[in-house]
Amino acid sequence: MKMLLSILCLALGTFSSAQNNFDFKKFTETMCSPEFHGRGYVNSGDSIAAEYIADQMTLLGIDSIQSGYFQPFLLNVNTFPDSCSIQINNKLLKPGLEYIVGPASNGTCKDANCKQAITFDAKHIKVLNMQQLIEEDRTAIERINYEKGTIYIIDNNVVQDSNAIYVHYLAENISKYYDVIELVNTKFTWSLRSASNDGLYIQMKKTTFDALYSEQMNIKINIHNVQIPNYIARNVIGQVKAKKKTKGTIMLTAHYDHLGRMGSETYFPGANDNASGVAMLLDLGQKLKAKPLRNYDVICVAFAAEEIGLLGSKYLSEHPLFPLNTIKFQLNLDIMGSGEAGITAVNGSEFKREFKKLSRINKRLNSVPSIKARGRAANSDHHFFTEKGVKGFFVYTRGFNQNYHDIHDTYENLSFNSFKNLSELFTAFLRRL
């Protein structure tokens, strides 16, 4: 009850009582707070966020559609709700900084309720130097005889990028059946999976492992995973009616889900990806409510389950709550917390007329330094609508912030350098479609 009251206070605090202006920074900060659990599937973080977004729509006067604000659907997901620890020679490693658990990893105990640790002694730790194996005899890699009860340390410190990709996929494939730690020098990038493999899969900083390595080392791992079937996720849908008789619909979209928690102590805030995009969605919704489009209704959709395979947008495209053939254009928003270098419009080279219009408006308003056009890409919630013949852009910002799918994607690391300018640009663009 205390947590719900706290979230309600945060929701109400997102608005000025005097002018009812949407505070996009406060909204983003709230979406990234620990109470939202990374807006994933541990502690119903996504559901907390969905309720919060619907409350914001209500306060902004963005009405629900006839069926209400929510469109539920089912998904399967592998989660790590509590126990998540690794020790090497009794030194406890830092999750998110020194290691991450692969999203398809199994736990250390096969019983769903068991939280038992496993200790691998030196006899059951095997280090594979992949660069050496590649140089000596790459075919030997395919002939390695793996055994249960041994953890394989796959050293991905290789020279060529193509080999690094090969070793990474090899490590993932081995973890389908055996326990694996992949040593990496690159930044951690987490994700989600619908189910788990049979083996453990952990990515670890090579510097961390090397500093603790010894011939008599031991590794103690305690990871508890829970596979959730038929989890109920919800798209959040609102609308702003046209000023006059409608000719069709313009759809504004942004996904609100993120990666959630990796154990009880570590969560992924998802500030740029994509609390900032939902903030832009609501900011535009507020402007269009104050001054509706003349002949087009606006549908505002905050999608669930983008991070686990665009499932929310796929579901809406297959179970539409409004006719898809009436959609004049979709503007899908993601990563709106930066913008120092400009924006990119996926489908910009596909829908050239609309891209020229967006570029002309940007030149007049001087909103961002540049707008780049990309072709089609199945990389966000525009994809399934584009495939069904709906014109649209997926727009994201480019800038200094390179925190993506990691624990550093926090509210504090957002510049919001171009947020207000982009809001004006998008508003002007939508009014001229």
Protein backbone atom coordinates (compact mmCIF):
# COMPACT_ATOMS: atom_id res chain seq x y z
CA MET A 1 0.00 0.00 0.00
CA LYS A 2 2.84 2.41 0.88
CA MET A 3 4.51 1.76 -2.49
CA LEU A 4 1.26 2.39 -4.40
CA LEU A 5 0.70 5.65 -2.54
CA SER A 6 4.28 6.66 -3.29
CA ILE A 7 3.84 5.97 -7.00
CA LEU A 8 0.54 7.89 -7.04
CA CYS A 9 2.27 10.88 -5.46
CA LEU A 10 5.00 10.67 -8.08
CA ALA A 11 2.37 10.54 -10.81
CA LEU A 12 0.55 13.58 -9.51
CA GLY A 13 3.85 15.35 -9.02
CA THR A 14 4.58 15.07 -12.74
CA PHE A 15 2.19 17.94 -13.34
CA SER A 16 2.04 21.56 -12.31
CA SER A 17 -1.21 22.21 -10.47
CA ALA A 18 -1.30 25.74 -11.85
CA GLN A 19 -0.98 25.00 -15.57
CA ASN A 20 -1.22 21.21 -15.76
CA ASN A 21 2.00 21.18 -17.84
CA PHE A 22 3.62 17.84 -18.41
CA ASP A 23 7.02 17.59 -16.73
CA PHE A 24 8.87 15.25 -19.08
CA LYS A 25 11.98 15.16 -16.91
CA LYS A 26 10.07 14.21 -13.77
CA PHE A 27 8.15 11.59 -15.69
CA THR A 28 11.35 10.03 -17.02
CA GLU A 29 12.98 10.07 -13.60
CA THR A 30 9.98 8.32 -12.08
CA MET A 31 9.92 5.64 -14.79
CA CYS A 32 13.58 4.89 -13.97
CA SER A 33 13.09 4.65 -10.20
CA PRO A 34 13.72 1.39 -8.30
CA GLU A 35 10.00 1.12 -7.54
CA PHE A 36 9.43 0.36 -11.24
CA HIS A 37 12.01 -2.49 -11.17
CA GLY A 38 13.39 -1.68 -14.63
CA ARG A 39 9.89 -2.03 -16.14
CA GLY A 40 10.42 -5.74 -16.71
CA TYR A 41 8.81 -8.94 -15.49
CA VAL A 42 10.24 -9.19 -11.98
CA ASN A 43 7.91 -7.74 -9.33
CA SER A 44 5.48 -6.77 -12.13
CA GLY A 45 7.58 -3.73 -13.00
CA ASP A 46 6.01 -3.48 -16.45
CA SER A 47 2.51 -3.49 -14.97
CA ILE A 48 3.42 -0.71 -12.52
CA ALA A 49 4.66 1.35 -15.45
CA ALA A 50 1.53 0.63 -17.51
CA GLU A 51 -0.73 1.90 -14.71
CA TYR A 52 1.44 4.98 -14.29
CA ILE A 53 1.30 5.82 -18.01
CA ALA A 54 -2.49 5.40 -18.08
CA ASP A 55 -2.72 7.77 -15.09
CA GLN A 56 -0.64 10.34 -17.01
CA MET A 57 -2.92 10.04 -20.02
CA THR A 58 -5.94 10.62 -17.80
CA LEU A 59 -4.38 13.71 -16.22
CA LEU A 60 -3.43 15.09 -19.63
CA GLY A 61 -6.92 14.55 -20.99
CA ILE A 62 -5.80 11.89 -23.45
CA ASP A 63 -8.92 9.74 -23.50
CA SER A 64 -9.02 5.97 -23.54
CA ILE A 65 -10.37 4.18 -26.58
CA GLN A 66 -13.72 2.41 -26.32
CA SER A 67 -12.23 -0.75 -24.80
CA GLY A 68 -10.24 1.18 -22.19
CA TYR A 69 -6.58 2.13 -21.86
CA PHE A 70 -5.21 -1.43 -21.82
CA GLN A 71 -4.80 -4.15 -24.42
CA PRO A 72 -3.59 -7.33 -22.66
CA PHE A 73 -1.72 -10.20 -24.29
CA LEU A 74 0.38 -13.18 -23.14
CA LEU A 75 4.09 -13.91 -23.34
CA ASN A 76 6.68 -16.30 -21.93
CA VAL A 77 9.81 -14.97 -20.24
CA ASN A 78 12.90 -16.20 -18.38
CA THR A 79 13.56 -14.09 -15.26
CA PHE A 80 16.14 -13.76 -12.46
CA PRO A 81 14.10 -12.51 -9.49
CA ASP A 82 16.39 -12.87 -6.47
CA SER A 83 19.60 -14.89 -5.99
CA CYS A 84 22.31 -13.69 -8.36
CA SER A 85 25.88 -13.92 -7.11
CA ILE A 86 29.30 -15.08 -8.31
CA GLN A 87 32.40 -15.50 -6.18
CA ILE A 88 35.90 -16.29 -7.41
CA ASN A 89 38.26 -17.40 -4.64
CA ASN A 90 35.70 -16.05 -2.15
CA LYS A 91 35.71 -12.58 -3.74
CA LEU A 92 32.16 -11.44 -4.50
CA LEU A 93 31.87 -9.92 -7.98
CA LYS A 94 29.74 -6.90 -8.85
CA PRO A 95 26.73 -7.70 -11.04
CA GLY A 96 26.30 -5.43 -14.05
CA LEU A 97 29.87 -4.19 -13.70
CA GLU A 98 32.00 -7.34 -13.58
CA TYR A 99 29.50 -9.83 -15.00
CA ILE A 100 26.02 -10.27 -16.41
CA VAL A 101 23.91 -13.40 -16.56
CA GLY A 102 22.93 -14.41 -20.08
CA PRO A 103 19.18 -13.92 -20.59
CA ALA A 104 18.76 -17.56 -21.66
CA SER A 105 20.84 -18.88 -18.76
CA ASN A 106 19.55 -21.60 -16.52
CA GLY A 107 19.94 -21.35 -12.76
CA THR A 108 22.22 -23.27 -10.46
CA CYS A 109 19.37 -25.45 -9.28
CA LYS A 110 16.90 -27.26 -11.51
CA ASP A 111 14.05 -27.07 -8.99
CA ALA A 112 12.07 -23.89 -9.66
CA ASN A 113 12.01 -22.96 -5.97
CA CYS A 114 15.59 -24.00 -5.18
CA LYS A 115 18.23 -21.31 -4.65
CA GLN A 116 21.21 -23.56 -4.12
CA ALA A 117 24.73 -22.49 -5.14
CA ILE A 118 27.25 -24.55 -7.12
CA THR A 119 30.99 -24.46 -6.46
CA PHE A 120 33.36 -25.44 -9.26
CA ASP A 121 36.81 -26.44 -8.02
CA ALA A 122 39.98 -26.23 -10.13
CA LYS A 123 39.46 -29.73 -11.55
CA HIS A 124 36.11 -28.66 -12.98
CA ILE A 125 37.17 -25.33 -14.49
CA LYS A 126 38.45 -25.48 -18.06
CA VAL A 127 39.82 -22.35 -19.77
CA LEU A 128 39.63 -22.27 -23.58
CA ASN A 129 41.92 -19.70 -25.21
CA MET A 130 39.98 -19.15 -28.40
CA GLN A 131 42.59 -17.02 -30.13
CA GLN A 132 45.16 -19.78 -29.68
CA LEU A 133 42.72 -22.45 -30.86
CA ILE A 134 41.76 -20.40 -33.92
CA GLU A 135 45.42 -19.88 -34.85
CA GLU A 136 46.41 -23.52 -34.31
CA ASP A 137 43.45 -25.45 -35.67
CA ARG A 138 40.00 -23.93 -35.85
CA THR A 139 38.42 -27.28 -36.63
CA ALA A 140 39.64 -28.54 -33.24
CA ILE A 141 37.13 -26.20 -31.61
CA GLU A 142 34.31 -28.23 -33.07
CA ARG A 143 35.81 -31.45 -31.66
CA ILE A 144 36.05 -30.39 -28.01
CA ASN A 145 34.47 -33.00 -25.75
CA TYR A 146 32.31 -31.11 -23.26
CA GLU A 147 31.24 -32.65 -19.95
CA LYS A 148 28.52 -31.98 -17.43
CA GLY A 149 29.78 -30.71 -14.08
CA THR A 150 32.57 -28.64 -15.66
CA ILE A 151 32.33 -24.91 -16.32
CA TYR A 152 34.00 -23.77 -19.53
CA ILE A 153 35.74 -20.39 -19.51
CA ILE A 154 35.62 -19.26 -23.13
CA ASP A 155 38.16 -16.47 -23.58
CA ASN A 156 36.78 -14.20 -26.30
CA ASN A 157 39.91 -12.03 -26.40
CA VAL A 158 40.36 -12.52 -30.14
CA VAL A 159 41.91 -10.25 -32.75
CA GLN A 160 39.30 -10.00 -35.50
CA ASP A 161 35.71 -8.81 -34.97
CA SER A 162 34.40 -11.63 -37.16
CA ASN A 163 36.11 -14.15 -34.91
CA ALA A 164 34.72 -12.44 -31.80
CA ILE A 165 31.21 -12.81 -33.20
CA TYR A 166 31.91 -16.47 -33.99
CA VAL A 167 33.21 -17.14 -30.46
CA HIS A 168 30.26 -15.34 -28.89
CA TYR A 169 27.72 -17.46 -30.76
CA LEU A 170 29.76 -20.55 -29.97
CA ALA A 171 29.58 -19.73 -26.25
CA GLU A 172 25.82 -19.20 -26.47
CA ASN A 173 25.35 -22.50 -28.28
CA ILE A 174 27.48 -24.45 -25.81
CA SER A 175 25.40 -23.01 -22.95
CA LYS A 176 22.35 -24.74 -24.38
CA TYR A 177 23.72 -27.88 -22.75
CA TYR A 178 26.77 -27.02 -20.60
CA ASP A 179 27.89 -24.33 -18.14
CA VAL A 180 29.80 -21.44 -19.71
CA ILE A 181 31.52 -18.20 -18.73
CA GLU A 182 32.45 -16.04 -21.71
CA LEU A 183 35.28 -13.58 -21.03
CA VAL A 184 34.80 -10.26 -22.85
CA ASN A 185 36.54 -6.90 -23.14
CA THR A 186 33.55 -5.09 -24.64
CA LYS A 187 30.70 -3.33 -22.80
CA PHE A 188 27.91 -5.45 -21.38
CA THR A 189 24.63 -5.40 -23.31
CA TRP A 190 21.78 -7.27 -21.65
CA SER A 191 18.54 -8.54 -23.21
CA LEU A 192 15.59 -10.85 -22.57
CA ARG A 193 14.62 -14.36 -23.66
CA SER A 194 11.38 -16.28 -23.56
CA ALA A 195 12.95 -19.49 -22.18
CA SER A 196 16.18 -20.81 -20.68
CA ASN A 197 18.78 -23.26 -21.90
CA ASP A 198 20.04 -26.23 -19.87
CA GLY A 199 23.35 -24.64 -18.93
CA LEU A 200 24.58 -21.53 -17.15
CA TYR A 201 25.68 -18.68 -19.39
CA ILE A 202 27.58 -15.78 -17.88
CA GLN A 203 29.53 -12.98 -19.50
CA MET A 204 32.43 -11.74 -17.36
CA LYS A 205 35.02 -9.01 -17.75
CA LYS A 206 38.28 -10.62 -18.80
CA THR A 207 40.22 -8.22 -16.58
CA THR A 208 38.21 -9.37 -13.57
CA PHE A 209 38.81 -13.06 -14.27
CA ASP A 210 42.51 -12.61 -15.07
CA ALA A 211 43.11 -10.69 -11.84
CA LEU A 212 41.65 -13.54 -9.79
CA TYR A 213 42.91 -16.50 -11.80
CA SER A 214 45.05 -19.15 -10.17
CA GLU A 215 45.63 -22.84 -10.80
CA GLN A 216 43.81 -23.67 -7.55
CA MET A 217 40.91 -21.25 -8.06
CA ASN A 218 37.28 -21.99 -7.30
CA ILE A 219 34.13 -20.37 -8.62
CA LYS A 220 30.93 -20.27 -6.59
CA ILE A 221 27.74 -19.36 -8.46
CA ASN A 222 24.25 -18.87 -7.07
CA ILE A 223 21.72 -17.91 -9.74
CA HIS A 224 18.00 -18.48 -9.43
CA ASN A 225 15.99 -18.28 -12.63
CA VAL A 226 12.21 -18.55 -12.99
CA GLN A 227 10.54 -19.19 -16.32
CA ILE A 228 7.14 -17.52 -16.42
CA PRO A 229 4.61 -18.90 -18.93
CA ASN A 230 1.59 -16.87 -20.04
CA TYR A 231 2.66 -13.64 -18.37
CA ILE A 232 0.05 -10.90 -18.92
CA ALA A 233 1.56 -7.78 -20.52
CA ARG A 234 -0.44 -4.73 -21.61
CA ASN A 235 -0.23 -2.12 -24.33
CA VAL A 236 -1.45 1.28 -23.12
CA ILE A 237 -3.61 3.12 -25.66
CA GLY A 238 -5.12 6.60 -25.60
CA GLN A 239 -6.62 8.93 -28.17
CA VAL A 240 -7.06 12.60 -29.06
CA LYS A 241 -10.02 13.26 -31.34
CA ALA A 242 -9.76 15.49 -34.41
CA LYS A 243 -11.17 19.01 -34.33
CA LYS A 244 -13.54 18.23 -37.20
CA LYS A 245 -14.79 15.11 -38.96
CA THR A 246 -11.89 12.71 -39.11
CA LYS A 247 -10.26 11.57 -42.37
CA GLY A 248 -8.24 8.90 -40.58
CA THR A 249 -5.72 8.31 -37.84
CA ILE A 250 -2.17 9.30 -36.99
CA MET A 251 -0.47 6.87 -34.60
CA LEU A 252 2.16 8.00 -32.08
CA THR A 253 4.01 5.09 -30.49
CA ALA A 254 6.84 4.36 -28.05
CA HIS A 255 7.62 1.24 -26.04
CA TYR A 256 7.62 1.60 -22.25
CA ASP A 257 9.05 -1.77 -21.21
CA HIS A 258 12.70 -2.38 -20.45
CA LEU A 259 14.88 -5.24 -19.16
CA GLY A 260 13.84 -5.36 -15.52
CA ARG A 261 15.94 -6.93 -12.77
CA MET A 262 18.93 -9.28 -12.82
CA GLY A 263 18.65 -10.49 -9.24
CA SER A 264 17.27 -8.55 -6.30
CA GLU A 265 20.08 -5.96 -6.20
CA THR A 266 20.55 -5.03 -9.86
CA TYR A 267 18.07 -3.43 -12.25
CA PHE A 268 18.29 -1.74 -15.63
CA PRO A 269 16.69 1.74 -15.48
CA GLY A 270 16.11 2.16 -19.24
CA ALA A 271 16.15 5.96 -19.18
CA ASN A 272 17.05 6.65 -22.80
CA ASP A 273 15.59 3.30 -23.88
CA ASN A 274 12.80 4.12 -23.59
CA ALA A 275 11.40 6.17 -20.71
CA SER A 276 12.49 9.20 -22.75
CA GLY A 277 10.47 8.03 -25.76
CA VAL A 278 7.29 7.62 -23.70
CA ALA A 279 7.94 11.09 -22.24
CA MET A 280 8.01 12.45 -25.80
CA LEU A 281 4.84 10.53 -26.66
CA LEU A 282 2.98 12.12 -23.74
CA ASP A 283 4.46 15.55 -24.39
CA LEU A 284 3.17 15.43 -27.96
CA GLY A 285 -0.16 14.08 -26.73
CA GLN A 286 -0.51 17.07 -24.41
CA LYS A 287 0.20 19.53 -27.24
CA LEU A 288 -2.26 17.83 -29.58
CA LYS A 289 -4.93 17.72 -26.87
CA ALA A 290 -4.54 21.47 -26.35
CA LYS A 291 -4.79 22.06 -30.10
CA PRO A 292 -6.18 18.98 -31.89
CA LEU A 293 -5.38 18.17 -35.49
CA ARG A 294 -8.01 19.45 -37.86
CA ASN A 295 -8.95 16.24 -39.65
CA TYR A 296 -7.07 13.37 -38.01
CA ASP A 297 -7.57 11.49 -34.77
CA VAL A 298 -4.37 10.73 -32.90
CA ILE A 299 -3.86 7.32 -31.31
CA CYS A 300 -1.15 7.26 -28.62
CA VAL A 301 0.25 3.79 -27.96
CA ALA A 302 2.80 2.89 -25.29
CA PHE A 303 3.83 -0.61 -26.31
CA ALA A 304 4.72 -3.43 -23.94
CA ALA A 305 7.24 -6.21 -24.63
CA GLU A 306 9.35 -4.49 -27.29
CA GLU A 307 12.53 -5.73 -25.65
CA ILE A 308 11.55 -9.38 -25.90
CA GLY A 309 10.80 -9.33 -29.62
CA LEU A 310 8.39 -6.49 -30.53
CA LEU A 311 5.58 -8.58 -29.08
CA GLY A 312 3.27 -5.73 -28.08
CA SER A 313 3.31 -4.07 -31.48
CA LYS A 314 3.01 -7.42 -33.23
CA TYR A 315 -0.07 -8.20 -31.15
CA LEU A 316 -1.73 -4.86 -31.90
CA SER A 317 -0.95 -5.20 -35.61
CA GLU A 318 -2.64 -8.61 -35.60
CA HIS A 319 -5.48 -7.63 -33.23
CA PRO A 320 -6.11 -3.98 -34.16
CA LEU A 321 -8.48 -1.93 -32.03
CA PHE A 322 -8.93 0.54 -34.90
CA PRO A 323 -8.75 -0.07 -38.67
CA LEU A 324 -5.14 -0.16 -39.87
CA ASN A 325 -6.18 1.08 -43.31
CA THR A 326 -7.22 4.40 -41.75
CA ILE A 327 -3.72 5.12 -40.38
CA LYS A 328 -2.19 7.94 -42.41
CA PHE A 329 1.18 7.77 -40.64
CA GLN A 330 2.95 6.22 -37.65
CA LEU A 331 5.63 8.10 -35.71
CA ASN A 332 7.50 5.66 -33.47
CA LEU A 333 9.80 7.23 -30.86
CA ASP A 334 12.78 5.76 -29.06
CA ILE A 335 15.94 7.08 -27.35
CA MET A 336 14.76 10.70 -27.03
CA GLY A 337 17.09 11.73 -24.19
CA SER A 338 20.04 12.82 -26.33
CA GLY A 339 20.24 14.46 -29.76
CA GLU A 340 23.48 16.44 -29.84
CA ALA A 341 24.32 14.89 -33.22
CA GLY A 342 20.75 14.87 -34.57
CA ILE A 343 18.21 12.16 -35.30
CA THR A 344 17.82 9.15 -37.60
CA ALA A 345 14.56 8.19 -39.30
CA VAL A 346 14.23 4.51 -40.12
CA ASN A 347 12.05 4.28 -43.26
CA GLY A 348 13.25 7.77 -44.19
CA SER A 349 14.56 6.52 -47.52
CA GLU A 350 11.39 4.45 -47.97
CA PHE A 351 8.88 7.30 -47.57
CA LYS A 352 10.76 10.10 -49.28
CA ARG A 353 7.94 12.62 -49.46
CA GLU A 354 7.41 12.58 -45.70
CA PHE A 355 11.16 12.61 -45.06
CA LYS A 356 11.62 15.72 -47.22
CA LYS A 357 8.82 17.39 -45.31
CA LEU A 358 10.42 16.54 -41.95
CA SER A 359 13.79 17.80 -43.20
CA ARG A 360 12.34 21.08 -44.50
CA ILE A 361 10.63 21.76 -41.19
CA ASN A 362 13.84 20.98 -39.33
CA LYS A 363 15.76 23.41 -41.53
CA ARG A 364 13.21 26.13 -40.80
CA LEU A 365 13.06 25.50 -37.04
CA ASN A 366 16.74 24.53 -36.67
CA SER A 367 15.67 21.81 -34.23
CA VAL A 368 18.60 19.38 -34.56
CA PRO A 369 21.93 19.46 -36.44
CA SER A 370 20.99 16.74 -38.92
CA ILE A 371 18.39 14.20 -39.91
CA LYS A 372 19.65 10.96 -41.44
CA ALA A 373 17.48 8.58 -43.44
CA ARG A 374 17.66 4.80 -43.15
CA GLY A 375 15.82 2.13 -45.05
CA ARG A 376 13.52 -0.52 -43.64
CA ALA A 377 14.62 -2.27 -40.47
CA ALA A 378 12.87 -4.65 -38.10
CA ASN A 379 14.37 -2.93 -35.06
CA SER A 380 11.40 -1.35 -33.29
CA ASP A 381 7.62 -1.13 -33.02
CA HIS A 382 7.06 0.39 -36.46
CA HIS A 383 8.06 -2.87 -38.17
CA PHE A 384 4.86 -4.92 -38.17
CA PHE A 385 2.79 -1.91 -39.21
CA THR A 386 5.16 -1.07 -42.07
CA GLU A 387 4.87 -4.69 -43.20
CA LYS A 388 1.09 -4.25 -43.31
CA GLY A 389 1.34 -1.17 -45.51
CA VAL A 390 1.28 1.59 -42.88
CA LYS A 391 3.60 4.49 -43.65
CA GLY A 392 5.76 5.55 -40.75
CA PHE A 393 9.12 6.51 -39.30
CA PHE A 394 11.03 5.08 -36.38
CA VAL A 395 12.98 8.06 -35.05
CA TYR A 396 15.82 7.94 -32.53
CA THR A 397 18.38 10.51 -31.42
CA ARG A 398 22.13 10.42 -31.92
CA GLY A 399 24.49 11.91 -29.37
CA PHE A 400 27.03 11.46 -26.62
CA ASN A 401 25.01 8.99 -24.57
CA GLN A 402 26.12 5.47 -25.55
CA ASN A 403 24.54 3.68 -22.58
CA TYR A 404 22.37 0.98 -24.09
CA HIS A 405 20.90 -2.08 -22.36
CA ASP A 406 23.21 -1.63 -19.40
CA ILE A 407 22.94 -0.42 -15.81
CA HIS A 408 24.31 3.01 -16.79
CA ASP A 409 21.24 4.00 -18.81
CA THR A 410 20.03 6.20 -15.96
CA TYR A 411 18.05 9.40 -15.74
CA GLU A 412 21.16 11.21 -14.50
CA ASN A 413 23.00 10.34 -17.72
CA LEU A 414 20.43 11.98 -20.00
CA SER A 415 21.16 15.41 -21.45
CA PHE A 416 17.67 16.09 -22.92
CA ASN A 417 19.70 18.32 -25.22
CA SER A 418 17.16 18.33 -28.04
CA PHE A 419 13.95 17.23 -26.33
CA LYS A 420 12.02 20.52 -26.52
CA ASN A 421 13.24 21.24 -30.04
CA LEU A 422 12.22 17.77 -31.18
CA SER A 423 8.81 18.14 -29.59
CA GLU A 424 8.28 21.31 -31.65
CA LEU A 425 9.63 19.60 -34.79
CA PHE A 426 7.37 16.54 -34.43
CA THR A 427 4.33 18.68 -33.63
CA ALA A 428 4.87 20.82 -36.73
CA PHE A 429 5.45 17.70 -38.84
CA LEU A 430 2.27 16.02 -37.65
CA ARG A 431 0.23 19.12 -38.39
CA ARG A 432 1.49 19.13 -41.98
CA LEU A 433 0.95 15.49 -42.86
